[in-house]
N, C-alpha and C. Protein backbone atom coordinates (compact mmCIF):
# COMPACT_ATOMS: atom_id res chain seq x y z
N MET A 1 2.63 -43.25 46.89
CA MET A 1 3.20 -43.39 45.54
C MET A 1 4.50 -44.20 45.62
N THR A 2 4.62 -45.18 44.77
CA THR A 2 5.85 -45.97 44.71
C THR A 2 6.94 -45.17 44.03
N ASN A 3 8.12 -45.16 44.62
CA ASN A 3 9.25 -44.46 44.01
C ASN A 3 9.89 -45.35 42.95
N LEU A 4 10.34 -44.74 41.89
CA LEU A 4 10.75 -45.47 40.69
C LEU A 4 12.24 -45.34 40.40
N ILE A 5 12.81 -46.38 39.79
CA ILE A 5 14.20 -46.38 39.34
C ILE A 5 14.20 -46.51 37.82
N ALA A 6 14.96 -45.63 37.17
CA ALA A 6 15.01 -45.61 35.70
C ALA A 6 16.47 -45.66 35.23
N PRO A 7 16.99 -46.85 34.94
CA PRO A 7 18.36 -46.95 34.43
C PRO A 7 18.52 -46.17 33.12
N SER A 8 19.63 -45.44 33.03
CA SER A 8 19.89 -44.62 31.85
C SER A 8 20.68 -45.42 30.82
N ILE A 9 20.07 -45.64 29.68
CA ILE A 9 20.67 -46.46 28.63
C ILE A 9 21.92 -45.81 28.04
N LEU A 10 22.10 -44.51 28.27
CA LEU A 10 23.31 -43.83 27.80
C LEU A 10 24.56 -44.50 28.36
N ALA A 11 24.45 -45.11 29.55
CA ALA A 11 25.60 -45.74 30.20
C ALA A 11 25.73 -47.22 29.87
N ALA A 12 24.81 -47.75 29.06
CA ALA A 12 24.86 -49.17 28.70
C ALA A 12 26.03 -49.45 27.76
N ASP A 13 26.32 -50.72 27.56
CA ASP A 13 27.34 -51.15 26.60
C ASP A 13 26.68 -51.24 25.23
N PHE A 14 26.97 -50.29 24.36
CA PHE A 14 26.29 -50.25 23.07
C PHE A 14 26.66 -51.43 22.18
N ALA A 15 27.76 -52.09 22.47
CA ALA A 15 28.13 -53.28 21.71
C ALA A 15 27.33 -54.50 22.18
N ASN A 16 26.69 -54.37 23.34
CA ASN A 16 25.86 -55.45 23.89
C ASN A 16 24.52 -54.87 24.33
N LEU A 17 23.92 -54.07 23.47
CA LEU A 17 22.74 -53.31 23.87
C LEU A 17 21.55 -54.21 24.19
N GLN A 18 21.32 -55.23 23.37
CA GLN A 18 20.19 -56.10 23.66
C GLN A 18 20.37 -56.82 24.99
N ARG A 19 21.60 -57.22 25.29
CA ARG A 19 21.88 -57.86 26.58
C ARG A 19 21.52 -56.93 27.73
N ASP A 20 21.92 -55.66 27.62
CA ASP A 20 21.66 -54.71 28.70
C ASP A 20 20.17 -54.38 28.80
N ILE A 21 19.47 -54.34 27.67
CA ILE A 21 18.03 -54.11 27.70
C ILE A 21 17.33 -55.27 28.40
N GLU A 22 17.73 -56.49 28.09
CA GLU A 22 17.14 -57.66 28.74
C GLU A 22 17.45 -57.64 30.24
N MET A 23 18.64 -57.16 30.60
CA MET A 23 18.99 -57.05 32.02
C MET A 23 17.99 -56.14 32.73
N VAL A 24 17.71 -54.98 32.13
CA VAL A 24 16.75 -54.04 32.74
C VAL A 24 15.36 -54.67 32.79
N ASN A 25 14.98 -55.37 31.72
CA ASN A 25 13.68 -56.06 31.70
C ASN A 25 13.55 -57.02 32.88
N ASN A 26 14.64 -57.71 33.19
CA ASN A 26 14.61 -58.75 34.22
C ASN A 26 14.92 -58.23 35.62
N SER A 27 15.17 -56.94 35.73
CA SER A 27 15.52 -56.34 37.01
C SER A 27 14.28 -55.74 37.67
N GLU A 28 14.49 -55.12 38.83
CA GLU A 28 13.41 -54.42 39.52
C GLU A 28 13.22 -52.99 39.03
N ALA A 29 13.95 -52.60 37.99
CA ALA A 29 13.80 -51.25 37.44
C ALA A 29 12.38 -51.04 36.93
N ASP A 30 11.97 -49.78 36.93
CA ASP A 30 10.60 -49.43 36.53
C ASP A 30 10.52 -48.88 35.11
N TRP A 31 11.50 -48.06 34.75
CA TRP A 31 11.50 -47.40 33.44
C TRP A 31 12.84 -47.59 32.75
N PHE A 32 12.83 -47.41 31.43
CA PHE A 32 14.04 -47.20 30.65
C PHE A 32 14.17 -45.68 30.43
N HIS A 33 15.31 -45.10 30.82
CA HIS A 33 15.55 -43.68 30.58
C HIS A 33 16.50 -43.56 29.39
N ILE A 34 16.06 -42.84 28.37
CA ILE A 34 16.81 -42.79 27.11
C ILE A 34 17.10 -41.33 26.74
N ASP A 35 18.39 -40.99 26.73
CA ASP A 35 18.82 -39.62 26.43
C ASP A 35 19.12 -39.48 24.94
N ILE A 36 18.45 -38.53 24.30
CA ILE A 36 18.70 -38.22 22.90
C ILE A 36 19.43 -36.88 22.84
N MET A 37 20.68 -36.88 22.35
CA MET A 37 21.51 -35.67 22.31
C MET A 37 21.91 -35.35 20.88
N ASP A 38 21.92 -34.05 20.56
CA ASP A 38 22.15 -33.65 19.17
C ASP A 38 23.50 -32.99 18.91
N GLY A 39 24.32 -32.80 19.95
CA GLY A 39 25.60 -32.14 19.75
C GLY A 39 25.49 -30.63 19.59
N VAL A 40 24.27 -30.10 19.73
CA VAL A 40 24.04 -28.66 19.62
C VAL A 40 23.56 -28.12 20.97
N PHE A 41 22.46 -28.65 21.46
CA PHE A 41 21.97 -28.22 22.78
C PHE A 41 22.93 -28.64 23.88
N VAL A 42 23.53 -29.83 23.72
CA VAL A 42 24.57 -30.30 24.64
C VAL A 42 25.80 -30.69 23.82
N PRO A 43 27.00 -30.66 24.44
CA PRO A 43 28.23 -30.93 23.69
C PRO A 43 28.51 -32.41 23.53
N ASN A 44 27.52 -33.16 23.10
CA ASN A 44 27.70 -34.60 22.91
C ASN A 44 26.60 -35.09 21.98
N ILE A 45 26.84 -36.19 21.31
CA ILE A 45 25.84 -36.84 20.46
C ILE A 45 25.67 -38.26 21.00
N SER A 46 24.44 -38.66 21.28
CA SER A 46 24.23 -40.00 21.84
C SER A 46 23.81 -40.97 20.74
N PHE A 47 22.53 -41.08 20.49
CA PHE A 47 22.05 -41.97 19.44
C PHE A 47 20.73 -41.44 18.92
N GLY A 48 20.33 -41.93 17.75
CA GLY A 48 19.14 -41.39 17.11
C GLY A 48 18.03 -42.39 16.94
N MET A 49 17.22 -42.17 15.94
CA MET A 49 15.99 -42.92 15.75
C MET A 49 16.19 -44.43 15.55
N PRO A 50 17.13 -44.88 14.73
CA PRO A 50 17.27 -46.33 14.53
C PRO A 50 17.61 -47.08 15.82
N VAL A 51 18.47 -46.48 16.65
CA VAL A 51 18.83 -47.14 17.91
C VAL A 51 17.64 -47.15 18.86
N LEU A 52 16.91 -46.03 18.93
CA LEU A 52 15.72 -45.99 19.78
C LEU A 52 14.70 -47.03 19.33
N LYS A 53 14.54 -47.18 18.03
CA LYS A 53 13.61 -48.19 17.49
C LYS A 53 14.03 -49.59 17.93
N ALA A 54 15.34 -49.84 17.91
CA ALA A 54 15.85 -51.15 18.34
C ALA A 54 15.61 -51.37 19.84
N ILE A 55 15.77 -50.30 20.63
CA ILE A 55 15.55 -50.41 22.07
C ILE A 55 14.09 -50.72 22.37
N THR A 56 13.19 -49.96 21.76
CA THR A 56 11.76 -50.14 22.05
C THR A 56 11.24 -51.49 21.56
N LYS A 57 11.92 -52.07 20.60
CA LYS A 57 11.54 -53.40 20.10
C LYS A 57 11.68 -54.45 21.20
N HIS A 58 12.69 -54.29 22.06
CA HIS A 58 12.98 -55.30 23.07
C HIS A 58 12.57 -54.90 24.48
N ALA A 59 12.45 -53.59 24.74
CA ALA A 59 12.12 -53.13 26.09
C ALA A 59 10.68 -53.48 26.46
N LYS A 60 10.49 -53.91 27.69
CA LYS A 60 9.17 -54.32 28.16
C LYS A 60 8.65 -53.42 29.28
N LYS A 61 9.29 -52.29 29.47
CA LYS A 61 8.89 -51.36 30.52
C LYS A 61 8.72 -49.97 29.92
N THR A 62 8.24 -49.06 30.73
CA THR A 62 7.98 -47.68 30.29
C THR A 62 9.21 -47.07 29.64
N ILE A 63 9.00 -46.44 28.49
CA ILE A 63 10.08 -45.79 27.74
C ILE A 63 10.03 -44.28 28.03
N ASP A 64 11.02 -43.83 28.78
CA ASP A 64 11.12 -42.45 29.25
C ASP A 64 12.20 -41.76 28.41
N VAL A 65 11.79 -40.97 27.41
CA VAL A 65 12.74 -40.35 26.48
C VAL A 65 13.00 -38.90 26.88
N HIS A 66 14.26 -38.58 27.02
CA HIS A 66 14.71 -37.25 27.46
C HIS A 66 15.43 -36.60 26.28
N LEU A 67 14.82 -35.57 25.70
CA LEU A 67 15.39 -34.90 24.54
C LEU A 67 16.31 -33.76 24.98
N MET A 68 17.59 -33.91 24.72
CA MET A 68 18.56 -32.83 24.94
C MET A 68 18.94 -32.29 23.57
N ILE A 69 17.93 -31.67 22.92
CA ILE A 69 18.09 -31.23 21.54
C ILE A 69 17.43 -29.87 21.34
N VAL A 70 17.88 -29.16 20.31
CA VAL A 70 17.19 -27.94 19.90
C VAL A 70 16.02 -28.33 19.00
N ASN A 71 15.05 -27.46 18.89
CA ASN A 71 13.89 -27.69 18.03
C ASN A 71 13.22 -29.04 18.25
N PRO A 72 12.88 -29.39 19.49
CA PRO A 72 12.28 -30.70 19.73
C PRO A 72 10.91 -30.87 19.07
N ASP A 73 10.21 -29.76 18.81
CA ASP A 73 8.85 -29.83 18.26
C ASP A 73 8.77 -30.63 16.97
N GLN A 74 9.80 -30.53 16.14
CA GLN A 74 9.73 -31.18 14.83
C GLN A 74 9.85 -32.71 14.92
N TYR A 75 10.19 -33.24 16.11
CA TYR A 75 10.36 -34.68 16.25
C TYR A 75 9.32 -35.33 17.15
N ILE A 76 8.36 -34.57 17.65
CA ILE A 76 7.42 -35.12 18.64
C ILE A 76 6.66 -36.32 18.09
N GLN A 77 6.10 -36.20 16.91
CA GLN A 77 5.34 -37.32 16.34
C GLN A 77 6.25 -38.52 16.08
N THR A 78 7.48 -38.26 15.66
CA THR A 78 8.43 -39.35 15.40
C THR A 78 8.68 -40.17 16.66
N PHE A 79 8.89 -39.49 17.79
CA PHE A 79 9.15 -40.23 19.03
C PHE A 79 7.91 -40.97 19.51
N ALA A 80 6.75 -40.43 19.26
CA ALA A 80 5.52 -41.15 19.58
C ALA A 80 5.44 -42.42 18.75
N ASP A 81 5.74 -42.31 17.46
CA ASP A 81 5.70 -43.47 16.55
C ASP A 81 6.72 -44.53 16.95
N LEU A 82 7.84 -44.09 17.54
CA LEU A 82 8.90 -45.02 17.94
C LEU A 82 8.62 -45.71 19.27
N GLY A 83 7.55 -45.29 19.94
CA GLY A 83 7.15 -46.01 21.15
C GLY A 83 7.44 -45.33 22.46
N ALA A 84 7.80 -44.04 22.43
CA ALA A 84 8.04 -43.34 23.69
C ALA A 84 6.73 -43.22 24.48
N ASN A 85 6.79 -43.52 25.78
CA ASN A 85 5.64 -43.33 26.66
C ASN A 85 5.65 -41.97 27.32
N ILE A 86 6.85 -41.50 27.63
CA ILE A 86 7.05 -40.17 28.24
C ILE A 86 8.05 -39.43 27.38
N LEU A 87 7.75 -38.18 27.04
CA LEU A 87 8.68 -37.37 26.26
C LEU A 87 8.98 -36.09 27.03
N THR A 88 10.25 -35.92 27.37
CA THR A 88 10.68 -34.77 28.15
C THR A 88 11.52 -33.84 27.29
N VAL A 89 11.16 -32.57 27.28
CA VAL A 89 11.91 -31.55 26.55
C VAL A 89 12.53 -30.59 27.56
N HIS A 90 13.55 -29.88 27.14
CA HIS A 90 14.19 -28.92 28.04
C HIS A 90 13.51 -27.57 27.98
N TYR A 91 13.25 -27.03 29.14
CA TYR A 91 12.72 -25.66 29.23
C TYR A 91 13.60 -24.71 28.42
N GLU A 92 14.91 -24.88 28.50
CA GLU A 92 15.85 -23.96 27.87
C GLU A 92 15.84 -24.07 26.34
N ALA A 93 15.24 -25.14 25.81
CA ALA A 93 15.23 -25.36 24.35
C ALA A 93 13.90 -25.00 23.71
N CYS A 94 12.91 -24.60 24.52
CA CYS A 94 11.56 -24.39 23.99
C CYS A 94 11.11 -22.94 24.15
N THR A 95 10.96 -22.26 23.03
CA THR A 95 10.48 -20.88 23.05
C THR A 95 9.00 -20.83 23.43
N HIS A 96 8.23 -21.78 22.93
CA HIS A 96 6.79 -21.83 23.19
C HIS A 96 6.49 -23.13 23.94
N LEU A 97 6.86 -23.17 25.22
CA LEU A 97 6.82 -24.41 25.99
C LEU A 97 5.42 -24.98 26.12
N HIS A 98 4.44 -24.13 26.36
CA HIS A 98 3.07 -24.63 26.52
C HIS A 98 2.60 -25.35 25.25
N ARG A 99 2.88 -24.77 24.12
CA ARG A 99 2.50 -25.39 22.84
C ARG A 99 3.21 -26.74 22.65
N THR A 100 4.48 -26.79 23.03
CA THR A 100 5.24 -28.04 22.92
C THR A 100 4.64 -29.12 23.81
N VAL A 101 4.32 -28.76 25.04
CA VAL A 101 3.73 -29.72 25.98
C VAL A 101 2.40 -30.24 25.45
N GLN A 102 1.57 -29.36 24.92
CA GLN A 102 0.28 -29.80 24.39
C GLN A 102 0.46 -30.70 23.17
N ALA A 103 1.47 -30.43 22.37
CA ALA A 103 1.74 -31.28 21.20
C ALA A 103 2.16 -32.69 21.63
N ILE A 104 2.95 -32.77 22.70
CA ILE A 104 3.36 -34.08 23.23
C ILE A 104 2.13 -34.86 23.70
N LYS A 105 1.27 -34.21 24.44
CA LYS A 105 0.07 -34.86 24.96
C LYS A 105 -0.87 -35.29 23.82
N SER A 106 -0.93 -34.48 22.78
CA SER A 106 -1.83 -34.80 21.67
C SER A 106 -1.40 -36.06 20.94
N GLU A 107 -0.13 -36.44 21.10
CA GLU A 107 0.38 -37.68 20.48
C GLU A 107 0.24 -38.87 21.42
N GLY A 108 -0.41 -38.66 22.57
CA GLY A 108 -0.68 -39.77 23.48
C GLY A 108 0.42 -40.08 24.47
N MET A 109 1.42 -39.20 24.55
CA MET A 109 2.53 -39.42 25.49
C MET A 109 2.35 -38.54 26.72
N ASP A 110 2.95 -38.95 27.85
CA ASP A 110 3.06 -38.06 28.99
C ASP A 110 4.11 -37.01 28.68
N ALA A 111 3.89 -35.80 29.20
CA ALA A 111 4.77 -34.68 28.88
C ALA A 111 5.64 -34.31 30.07
N GLY A 112 6.95 -34.22 29.81
CA GLY A 112 7.89 -33.81 30.84
C GLY A 112 8.68 -32.59 30.42
N VAL A 113 9.15 -31.84 31.42
CA VAL A 113 10.04 -30.71 31.17
C VAL A 113 11.27 -30.87 32.04
N ALA A 114 12.43 -30.71 31.46
CA ALA A 114 13.70 -30.81 32.19
C ALA A 114 14.26 -29.41 32.43
N LEU A 115 14.92 -29.25 33.58
CA LEU A 115 15.57 -28.00 33.92
C LEU A 115 17.07 -28.25 34.13
N ASN A 116 17.89 -27.41 33.52
CA ASN A 116 19.33 -27.46 33.77
C ASN A 116 19.63 -27.01 35.19
N PRO A 117 20.83 -27.32 35.70
CA PRO A 117 21.14 -27.00 37.09
C PRO A 117 20.98 -25.52 37.46
N HIS A 118 21.20 -24.61 36.51
CA HIS A 118 21.15 -23.17 36.83
C HIS A 118 19.74 -22.58 36.68
N THR A 119 18.79 -23.36 36.16
CA THR A 119 17.45 -22.83 35.88
C THR A 119 16.57 -22.94 37.12
N PRO A 120 15.97 -21.83 37.57
CA PRO A 120 15.17 -21.86 38.80
C PRO A 120 13.83 -22.55 38.62
N ILE A 121 13.32 -23.10 39.71
CA ILE A 121 12.03 -23.80 39.71
C ILE A 121 10.89 -22.85 39.32
N ALA A 122 11.04 -21.58 39.64
CA ALA A 122 9.95 -20.60 39.43
C ALA A 122 9.47 -20.53 37.99
N VAL A 123 10.32 -20.91 37.02
CA VAL A 123 9.91 -20.82 35.61
C VAL A 123 8.78 -21.78 35.28
N LEU A 124 8.52 -22.74 36.16
CA LEU A 124 7.48 -23.74 35.90
C LEU A 124 6.12 -23.36 36.46
N GLU A 125 6.03 -22.25 37.18
CA GLU A 125 4.80 -21.91 37.89
C GLU A 125 3.57 -21.88 36.98
N ASP A 126 3.73 -21.39 35.75
CA ASP A 126 2.57 -21.24 34.87
C ASP A 126 2.28 -22.47 34.02
N ILE A 127 3.07 -23.53 34.20
CA ILE A 127 2.84 -24.72 33.37
C ILE A 127 2.80 -26.01 34.19
N ILE A 128 3.03 -25.93 35.47
CA ILE A 128 3.16 -27.12 36.30
C ILE A 128 1.91 -28.00 36.25
N LEU A 129 0.73 -27.39 36.11
CA LEU A 129 -0.50 -28.18 36.08
C LEU A 129 -0.66 -28.97 34.78
N ASP A 130 0.11 -28.63 33.76
CA ASP A 130 0.03 -29.33 32.47
C ASP A 130 1.04 -30.47 32.37
N LEU A 131 1.90 -30.60 33.36
CA LEU A 131 3.02 -31.54 33.24
C LEU A 131 2.75 -32.86 33.97
N ASP A 132 3.30 -33.92 33.41
CA ASP A 132 3.27 -35.23 34.05
C ASP A 132 4.59 -35.52 34.76
N LEU A 133 5.65 -34.82 34.36
CA LEU A 133 6.99 -35.08 34.89
C LEU A 133 7.83 -33.81 34.82
N VAL A 134 8.61 -33.57 35.86
CA VAL A 134 9.67 -32.57 35.81
C VAL A 134 10.98 -33.27 36.09
N CYS A 135 11.93 -33.14 35.18
CA CYS A 135 13.25 -33.77 35.32
C CYS A 135 14.24 -32.69 35.74
N LEU A 136 14.76 -32.82 36.96
CA LEU A 136 15.78 -31.89 37.44
C LEU A 136 17.15 -32.47 37.13
N MET A 137 17.93 -31.73 36.35
CA MET A 137 19.29 -32.16 36.05
C MET A 137 20.16 -31.89 37.27
N SER A 138 20.76 -32.96 37.79
CA SER A 138 21.63 -32.83 38.95
C SER A 138 23.11 -32.91 38.55
N VAL A 139 23.33 -32.86 37.24
CA VAL A 139 24.65 -32.63 36.64
C VAL A 139 24.40 -31.74 35.42
N ASN A 140 25.46 -31.21 34.84
CA ASN A 140 25.29 -30.46 33.60
C ASN A 140 25.07 -31.46 32.46
N PRO A 141 24.01 -31.28 31.69
CA PRO A 141 23.64 -32.31 30.71
C PRO A 141 24.67 -32.46 29.60
N GLY A 142 24.79 -33.70 29.12
CA GLY A 142 25.66 -33.96 27.99
C GLY A 142 26.54 -35.19 28.14
N PHE A 143 26.93 -35.51 29.36
CA PHE A 143 27.82 -36.64 29.58
C PHE A 143 27.43 -37.40 30.84
N GLY A 144 27.63 -38.71 30.82
CA GLY A 144 27.42 -39.52 32.00
C GLY A 144 28.62 -39.48 32.92
N GLY A 145 28.44 -40.00 34.12
CA GLY A 145 29.56 -40.14 35.04
C GLY A 145 29.99 -38.90 35.79
N GLN A 146 29.17 -37.83 35.76
CA GLN A 146 29.54 -36.60 36.44
C GLN A 146 29.14 -36.64 37.92
N SER A 147 29.75 -35.73 38.69
CA SER A 147 29.45 -35.65 40.11
C SER A 147 28.13 -34.92 40.35
N PHE A 148 27.40 -35.39 41.33
CA PHE A 148 26.10 -34.84 41.71
C PHE A 148 26.25 -33.41 42.25
N ILE A 149 25.36 -32.52 41.80
CA ILE A 149 25.35 -31.12 42.26
C ILE A 149 24.43 -31.02 43.48
N LYS A 150 24.99 -30.67 44.62
CA LYS A 150 24.25 -30.75 45.88
C LYS A 150 23.12 -29.73 45.99
N ASN A 151 23.16 -28.67 45.22
CA ASN A 151 22.06 -27.70 45.23
C ASN A 151 20.74 -28.33 44.78
N THR A 152 20.84 -29.51 44.17
CA THR A 152 19.65 -30.22 43.70
C THR A 152 18.67 -30.48 44.83
N TYR A 153 19.17 -30.80 46.02
CA TYR A 153 18.27 -31.08 47.15
C TYR A 153 17.32 -29.90 47.40
N LYS A 154 17.87 -28.69 47.35
CA LYS A 154 17.05 -27.50 47.57
C LYS A 154 16.01 -27.36 46.47
N LYS A 155 16.40 -27.63 45.23
CA LYS A 155 15.47 -27.49 44.12
C LYS A 155 14.35 -28.54 44.20
N VAL A 156 14.69 -29.74 44.65
CA VAL A 156 13.66 -30.78 44.80
C VAL A 156 12.61 -30.30 45.81
N LYS A 157 13.05 -29.77 46.93
CA LYS A 157 12.12 -29.29 47.96
C LYS A 157 11.26 -28.15 47.44
N GLN A 158 11.87 -27.24 46.68
CA GLN A 158 11.11 -26.13 46.10
C GLN A 158 10.07 -26.64 45.11
N LEU A 159 10.45 -27.61 44.30
CA LEU A 159 9.52 -28.16 43.31
C LEU A 159 8.40 -28.93 43.99
N ARG A 160 8.73 -29.69 45.02
CA ARG A 160 7.70 -30.41 45.76
C ARG A 160 6.69 -29.45 46.36
N HIS A 161 7.17 -28.32 46.87
CA HIS A 161 6.28 -27.31 47.44
C HIS A 161 5.35 -26.75 46.35
N LEU A 162 5.91 -26.47 45.17
CA LEU A 162 5.11 -25.94 44.07
C LEU A 162 4.04 -26.94 43.65
N ILE A 163 4.41 -28.22 43.56
CA ILE A 163 3.46 -29.27 43.16
C ILE A 163 2.32 -29.36 44.17
N GLU A 164 2.66 -29.35 45.44
CA GLU A 164 1.63 -29.47 46.48
C GLU A 164 0.76 -28.22 46.55
N PHE A 165 1.37 -27.06 46.36
CA PHE A 165 0.63 -25.80 46.41
C PHE A 165 -0.39 -25.68 45.29
N THR A 166 -0.01 -26.17 44.09
CA THR A 166 -0.88 -26.05 42.92
C THR A 166 -1.80 -27.25 42.74
N GLY A 167 -1.51 -28.36 43.42
CA GLY A 167 -2.31 -29.57 43.22
C GLY A 167 -1.92 -30.33 41.96
N SER A 168 -0.74 -30.07 41.44
CA SER A 168 -0.26 -30.79 40.26
C SER A 168 -0.04 -32.26 40.59
N LYS A 169 -0.19 -33.10 39.57
CA LYS A 169 0.00 -34.54 39.74
C LYS A 169 1.35 -35.00 39.18
N CYS A 170 2.20 -34.07 38.79
CA CYS A 170 3.43 -34.46 38.09
C CYS A 170 4.45 -35.08 39.05
N LYS A 171 5.27 -35.97 38.50
CA LYS A 171 6.34 -36.62 39.23
C LYS A 171 7.63 -35.79 39.13
N ILE A 172 8.48 -35.94 40.13
CA ILE A 172 9.80 -35.31 40.12
C ILE A 172 10.84 -36.37 39.82
N GLU A 173 11.60 -36.14 38.76
CA GLU A 173 12.66 -37.07 38.35
C GLU A 173 14.02 -36.39 38.52
N ILE A 174 14.99 -37.15 39.01
CA ILE A 174 16.36 -36.64 39.20
C ILE A 174 17.27 -37.38 38.24
N ASP A 175 18.06 -36.62 37.48
CA ASP A 175 18.90 -37.19 36.44
C ASP A 175 20.33 -36.68 36.59
N GLY A 176 21.23 -37.60 37.02
CA GLY A 176 22.64 -37.26 37.07
C GLY A 176 23.29 -37.51 38.42
N GLY A 177 24.28 -38.38 38.44
CA GLY A 177 25.06 -38.60 39.65
C GLY A 177 24.33 -39.32 40.76
N VAL A 178 23.24 -40.03 40.43
CA VAL A 178 22.48 -40.75 41.45
C VAL A 178 23.22 -42.03 41.83
N THR A 179 23.38 -42.25 43.15
CA THR A 179 24.01 -43.46 43.67
C THR A 179 23.26 -43.90 44.93
N ASN A 180 23.73 -44.99 45.54
CA ASN A 180 23.13 -45.42 46.80
C ASN A 180 23.47 -44.49 47.96
N LYS A 181 24.39 -43.55 47.72
CA LYS A 181 24.77 -42.59 48.76
C LYS A 181 23.81 -41.41 48.86
N ASN A 182 23.14 -41.06 47.77
CA ASN A 182 22.24 -39.89 47.80
C ASN A 182 20.78 -40.22 47.49
N ALA A 183 20.50 -41.48 47.15
CA ALA A 183 19.14 -41.87 46.74
C ALA A 183 18.12 -41.59 47.83
N ASN A 184 18.42 -41.99 49.05
CA ASN A 184 17.46 -41.81 50.14
C ASN A 184 17.19 -40.34 50.41
N ALA A 185 18.24 -39.52 50.40
CA ALA A 185 18.08 -38.08 50.66
C ALA A 185 17.24 -37.42 49.57
N LEU A 186 17.38 -37.88 48.33
CA LEU A 186 16.58 -37.32 47.24
C LEU A 186 15.11 -37.66 47.40
N ILE A 187 14.82 -38.90 47.80
CA ILE A 187 13.44 -39.30 48.03
C ILE A 187 12.86 -38.51 49.21
N GLU A 188 13.64 -38.36 50.26
CA GLU A 188 13.17 -37.60 51.42
C GLU A 188 12.90 -36.14 51.08
N ALA A 189 13.66 -35.60 50.13
CA ALA A 189 13.45 -34.21 49.70
C ALA A 189 12.20 -34.05 48.85
N GLY A 190 11.72 -35.18 48.26
CA GLY A 190 10.49 -35.11 47.49
C GLY A 190 10.53 -35.72 46.11
N ALA A 191 11.64 -36.36 45.74
CA ALA A 191 11.75 -36.96 44.41
C ALA A 191 10.91 -38.23 44.30
N ASP A 192 10.48 -38.55 43.07
CA ASP A 192 9.69 -39.75 42.80
C ASP A 192 10.43 -40.76 41.93
N VAL A 193 11.26 -40.26 41.01
CA VAL A 193 11.93 -41.10 40.02
C VAL A 193 13.42 -40.78 40.04
N LEU A 194 14.26 -41.79 40.17
CA LEU A 194 15.71 -41.61 40.14
C LEU A 194 16.28 -42.27 38.90
N VAL A 195 16.97 -41.47 38.09
CA VAL A 195 17.67 -41.99 36.92
C VAL A 195 19.09 -42.36 37.35
N ALA A 196 19.50 -43.57 37.06
CA ALA A 196 20.85 -44.02 37.42
C ALA A 196 21.50 -44.64 36.20
N GLY A 197 22.65 -44.10 35.81
CA GLY A 197 23.33 -44.57 34.62
C GLY A 197 24.60 -45.34 34.94
N SER A 198 25.69 -44.60 35.08
CA SER A 198 26.99 -45.23 35.32
C SER A 198 26.98 -46.08 36.58
N PHE A 199 26.27 -45.63 37.62
CA PHE A 199 26.25 -46.36 38.88
C PHE A 199 25.68 -47.76 38.68
N VAL A 200 24.73 -47.90 37.78
CA VAL A 200 24.13 -49.21 37.49
C VAL A 200 24.99 -50.01 36.52
N PHE A 201 25.25 -49.44 35.35
CA PHE A 201 25.84 -50.22 34.27
C PHE A 201 27.33 -50.50 34.45
N LYS A 202 28.00 -49.71 35.26
CA LYS A 202 29.41 -49.94 35.50
C LYS A 202 29.66 -50.76 36.79
N SER A 203 28.58 -51.17 37.43
CA SER A 203 28.72 -52.00 38.63
C SER A 203 28.97 -53.45 38.23
N GLU A 204 29.50 -54.23 39.16
CA GLU A 204 29.81 -55.63 38.88
C GLU A 204 28.55 -56.46 38.67
N ASN A 205 27.47 -56.06 39.34
CA ASN A 205 26.21 -56.80 39.23
C ASN A 205 25.07 -55.79 39.09
N PRO A 206 24.77 -55.35 37.86
CA PRO A 206 23.75 -54.32 37.68
C PRO A 206 22.38 -54.67 38.25
N ILE A 207 21.96 -55.93 38.13
CA ILE A 207 20.65 -56.32 38.67
C ILE A 207 20.61 -56.14 40.18
N ALA A 208 21.70 -56.52 40.85
CA ALA A 208 21.78 -56.34 42.30
C ALA A 208 21.84 -54.87 42.67
N THR A 209 22.54 -54.07 41.86
CA THR A 209 22.63 -52.63 42.12
C THR A 209 21.26 -51.97 42.01
N ILE A 210 20.50 -52.36 40.99
CA ILE A 210 19.14 -51.84 40.84
C ILE A 210 18.27 -52.25 42.01
N ALA A 211 18.40 -53.50 42.43
CA ALA A 211 17.63 -54.00 43.57
C ALA A 211 17.96 -53.23 44.84
N ASP A 212 19.24 -52.90 44.99
CA ASP A 212 19.68 -52.13 46.15
C ASP A 212 19.07 -50.73 46.14
N LEU A 213 19.09 -50.09 44.98
CA LEU A 213 18.48 -48.76 44.86
C LEU A 213 16.99 -48.83 45.13
N LYS A 214 16.34 -49.84 44.60
CA LYS A 214 14.90 -50.00 44.77
C LYS A 214 14.56 -50.19 46.25
N ASN A 215 15.41 -50.92 46.94
CA ASN A 215 15.21 -51.16 48.37
C ASN A 215 15.39 -49.86 49.16
N ILE A 216 16.35 -49.04 48.74
CA ILE A 216 16.60 -47.77 49.43
C ILE A 216 15.44 -46.82 49.29
N VAL A 217 14.91 -46.72 48.07
CA VAL A 217 13.87 -45.70 47.82
C VAL A 217 12.48 -46.19 48.26
N GLY A 218 12.34 -47.47 48.53
CA GLY A 218 11.08 -47.98 49.07
C GLY A 218 10.00 -48.18 48.04
């Protein structure tokens, strides 16, 4: 399986959003990672439907939408209509997670579940076979530029074991604090997709930074 790099648009320059989208299009990146925050589930507000519509208009790669919101069920069809290819909801935000996952799939999207740093892998045991993606938060969700939480390595290994034990086909995505210093260790632990935000967009040469990450993860 090829390991994937997904630049996080949360760290892009919103005053030059089309420029940054074209940069990702022209880079070795595999996905666009787009964080939707509501100021309730997390203490920050990112952007909403009109901005996502503008992004999907120009993006030429997989649209990986990460919902950091309460009541995600009421927006599933909307995100499908806006062009999301993957829709990830938080375990902590879904009372009826299985129903939410099935609703995402029924709209033709791949279904992902995200776990906050304190949430154990064991909560996924009864749903892992229904998932296409598990996003492990390696920082506390809500803001970019945070330091990587090292306990993530242990959780990646635990999740990889669960996937192999059950025969699940889902990918492991890491979101938060990813750099060229920890990318290789994350892949070795079992990760498939690395989300990189500030490390990419705040670098002097984002295309070269993405290429460097892609070279590291193989």
